[in-house]
N, C-alpha and C. Protein backbone atom coordinates (compact mmCIF):
# COMPACT_ATOMS: atom_id res chain seq x y z
N MET A 1 1.12 -1.18 0.07
CA MET A 1 0.09 0.09 -0.33
C MET A 1 0.76 0.91 0.13
N PRO A 2 0.97 1.85 -1.21
CA PRO A 2 1.76 3.04 -1.22
C PRO A 2 1.59 4.23 -0.15
N MET A 3 0.43 4.32 0.23
CA MET A 3 0.05 5.25 1.20
C MET A 3 0.71 5.13 2.81
N MET A 4 0.23 3.79 2.67
CA MET A 4 1.07 3.31 4.02
C MET A 4 2.74 3.31 4.27
N GLN A 5 3.23 3.08 2.95
CA GLN A 5 4.79 3.32 3.11
C GLN A 5 5.23 4.61 3.25
N GLY A 6 4.57 5.64 2.56
CA GLY A 6 4.77 7.11 2.93
C GLY A 6 4.85 7.40 4.33
N LEU A 7 3.38 6.98 5.04
CA LEU A 7 3.13 7.24 6.30
C LEU A 7 4.34 6.52 7.44
N PHE A 8 4.78 5.38 6.91
CA PHE A 8 5.75 5.00 8.03
C PHE A 8 7.07 5.06 7.43
N GLN A 9 7.41 5.31 6.25
CA GLN A 9 8.66 5.52 5.46
C GLN A 9 9.44 4.33 5.38
N THR A 10 8.71 3.47 4.89
CA THR A 10 9.32 2.14 4.32
C THR A 10 9.58 1.94 3.01
N ARG A 11 10.21 1.08 2.56
CA ARG A 11 10.13 0.64 1.01
C ARG A 11 9.59 -0.90 0.78
N SER A 12 9.64 -1.08 -0.61
CA SER A 12 9.37 -2.40 -0.90
C SER A 12 10.44 -3.18 -0.75
N ILE A 13 10.43 -4.62 -0.89
CA ILE A 13 11.63 -5.26 -0.94
C ILE A 13 11.54 -5.89 -2.26
N ALA A 14 12.89 -6.60 -2.69
CA ALA A 14 12.92 -6.80 -4.09
C ALA A 14 12.26 -8.20 -4.21
N MET A 15 11.85 -8.99 -5.32
CA MET A 15 11.35 -10.45 -5.27
C MET A 15 12.46 -11.39 -4.84
N THR A 16 13.57 -11.21 -5.09
CA THR A 16 14.51 -12.15 -4.69
C THR A 16 14.78 -12.08 -2.84
N ASP A 17 14.59 -10.85 -2.61
CA ASP A 17 14.87 -10.78 -0.93
C ASP A 17 13.79 -11.25 -0.26
N GLY A 18 12.44 -11.27 -0.74
CA GLY A 18 11.12 -12.05 -0.43
C GLY A 18 11.23 -13.34 -0.61
N ALA A 19 11.71 -14.00 -1.55
CA ALA A 19 11.95 -15.27 -1.58
C ALA A 19 12.94 -15.91 -0.53
N ILE A 20 13.95 -15.10 -0.34
CA ILE A 20 14.93 -15.56 0.79
C ILE A 20 14.32 -15.65 2.02
N VAL A 21 13.55 -14.57 2.37
CA VAL A 21 12.88 -14.70 3.73
C VAL A 21 12.02 -15.84 3.72
N ILE A 22 11.11 -15.85 2.78
CA ILE A 22 10.22 -17.08 2.70
C ILE A 22 10.95 -18.45 2.94
N GLY A 23 12.19 -18.63 2.09
CA GLY A 23 12.98 -19.70 2.25
C GLY A 23 13.48 -20.30 3.37
N ALA A 24 13.75 -18.98 4.17
CA ALA A 24 14.57 -19.18 5.46
C ALA A 24 13.58 -19.60 6.55
N GLY A 25 12.37 -19.26 6.51
CA GLY A 25 11.15 -19.46 7.31
C GLY A 25 10.71 -20.89 7.19
N LEU A 26 10.65 -21.54 5.71
CA LEU A 26 10.09 -22.75 5.72
C LEU A 26 11.32 -23.77 6.34
N ALA A 27 12.58 -23.40 5.92
CA ALA A 27 13.90 -24.13 6.37
C ALA A 27 13.49 -24.28 7.80
N LEU A 28 13.41 -23.21 8.65
CA LEU A 28 13.21 -23.23 10.18
C LEU A 28 12.12 -23.99 10.65
N LEU A 29 11.12 -24.03 9.76
CA LEU A 29 9.89 -24.66 10.08
C LEU A 29 10.06 -26.13 10.03
N LEU A 30 10.62 -26.64 9.01
CA LEU A 30 11.56 -27.83 8.44
C LEU A 30 11.99 -28.55 9.70
N VAL A 31 13.38 -27.74 10.10
CA VAL A 31 13.94 -28.25 11.16
C VAL A 31 13.20 -28.46 12.45
N LEU A 32 12.21 -27.52 12.62
CA LEU A 32 11.60 -27.88 14.01
C LEU A 32 10.45 -28.90 13.82
N GLU A 33 9.94 -29.29 12.77
CA GLU A 33 8.99 -30.31 12.48
C GLU A 33 9.90 -31.49 12.95
N ILE A 34 11.05 -31.54 12.30
CA ILE A 34 12.08 -33.02 12.35
C ILE A 34 12.13 -33.11 13.82
N GLU A 35 12.57 -31.85 14.61
CA GLU A 35 12.88 -32.11 15.67
C GLU A 35 11.97 -32.65 16.70
N LYS A 36 10.77 -32.06 16.40
CA LYS A 36 9.39 -32.45 17.10
C LYS A 36 9.10 -34.00 17.01
N CYS A 37 9.56 -34.33 15.59
CA CYS A 37 8.87 -35.82 15.30
C CYS A 37 10.00 -36.72 16.08
N ILE A 38 11.28 -36.28 16.09
CA ILE A 38 12.20 -37.18 16.87
C ILE A 38 12.17 -37.21 18.20
N ARG A 39 11.62 -36.13 18.95
CA ARG A 39 11.66 -35.74 20.10
C ARG A 39 10.19 -36.78 20.72
N LEU A 40 9.24 -36.72 20.05
CA LEU A 40 8.07 -37.59 20.16
C LEU A 40 8.05 -39.11 19.92
N SER A 41 8.92 -39.37 19.14
CA SER A 41 9.21 -40.74 19.07
C SER A 41 9.91 -41.45 19.98
N LEU A 42 10.88 -40.76 20.55
CA LEU A 42 11.88 -41.11 21.72
C LEU A 42 11.17 -40.93 22.90
N ALA A 43 10.14 -40.15 23.19
CA ALA A 43 9.30 -40.17 24.68
C ALA A 43 8.50 -41.26 24.82
N PRO A 44 8.57 -41.57 26.13
CA PRO A 44 7.45 -42.76 26.43
C PRO A 44 5.97 -42.53 26.43
N PRO A 45 5.19 -43.20 26.20
CA PRO A 45 3.85 -42.88 25.96
C PRO A 45 3.18 -42.42 27.37
N ILE A 46 2.72 -41.48 27.34
CA ILE A 46 1.60 -41.15 28.75
C ILE A 46 0.56 -42.08 28.91
N VAL A 47 0.69 -42.45 29.83
CA VAL A 47 -0.72 -43.36 30.38
C VAL A 47 -1.48 -42.48 31.63
N ARG A 48 -2.56 -42.26 31.23
CA ARG A 48 -3.66 -41.80 32.22
C ARG A 48 -4.85 -42.39 32.76
N PRO A 49 -5.43 -42.49 33.74
CA PRO A 49 -6.76 -43.46 34.01
C PRO A 49 -7.61 -43.07 33.22
N ARG A 50 -8.47 -43.48 32.87
CA ARG A 50 -9.88 -42.87 32.37
C ARG A 50 -10.79 -42.77 33.21
N GLU A 51 -11.80 -41.54 33.10
CA GLU A 51 -12.25 -41.34 34.45
C GLU A 51 -13.63 -42.08 34.43
N SER A 52 -14.14 -42.62 33.38
CA SER A 52 -15.59 -43.26 33.70
C SER A 52 -15.44 -44.63 34.07
N THR A 53 -14.54 -45.46 33.38
CA THR A 53 -14.19 -47.02 33.77
C THR A 53 -13.06 -47.36 34.69
N GLY A 54 -12.25 -46.37 35.07
CA GLY A 54 -10.92 -46.79 35.81
C GLY A 54 -9.78 -47.26 34.91
N GLN A 55 -10.00 -47.74 33.62
CA GLN A 55 -9.14 -48.34 32.84
C GLN A 55 -8.36 -47.53 32.23
N LYS A 56 -7.07 -47.75 31.97
CA LYS A 56 -5.76 -46.80 31.75
C LYS A 56 -5.76 -46.72 30.40
N GLU A 57 -5.47 -45.56 29.92
CA GLU A 57 -5.70 -45.06 28.62
C GLU A 57 -4.20 -44.55 28.09
N VAL A 58 -3.71 -45.16 26.77
CA VAL A 58 -2.44 -44.74 26.44
C VAL A 58 -2.58 -43.75 25.39
N VAL A 59 -2.10 -42.25 25.73
CA VAL A 59 -2.35 -41.11 25.16
C VAL A 59 -0.98 -41.10 24.09
C-alpha cells in the first residue's frame, strides 16, 4: 500500500529478498518439525486413567 509506505517511511523489498525470507522461514519450520518428530518418537507414552471406567488409556 503506497500510502502506508509513505506514512511509515518504508520501502518495498525485491522479489529475490522476499524469496530468501520465505525460504529461511520454511527451512526453520522444517527443522523444527523434524526435531518435534524425533522428540516425540523417543518419549515414552503417557498413561492416564480413564475417568468413567477406571481403565488406563495410552495417549
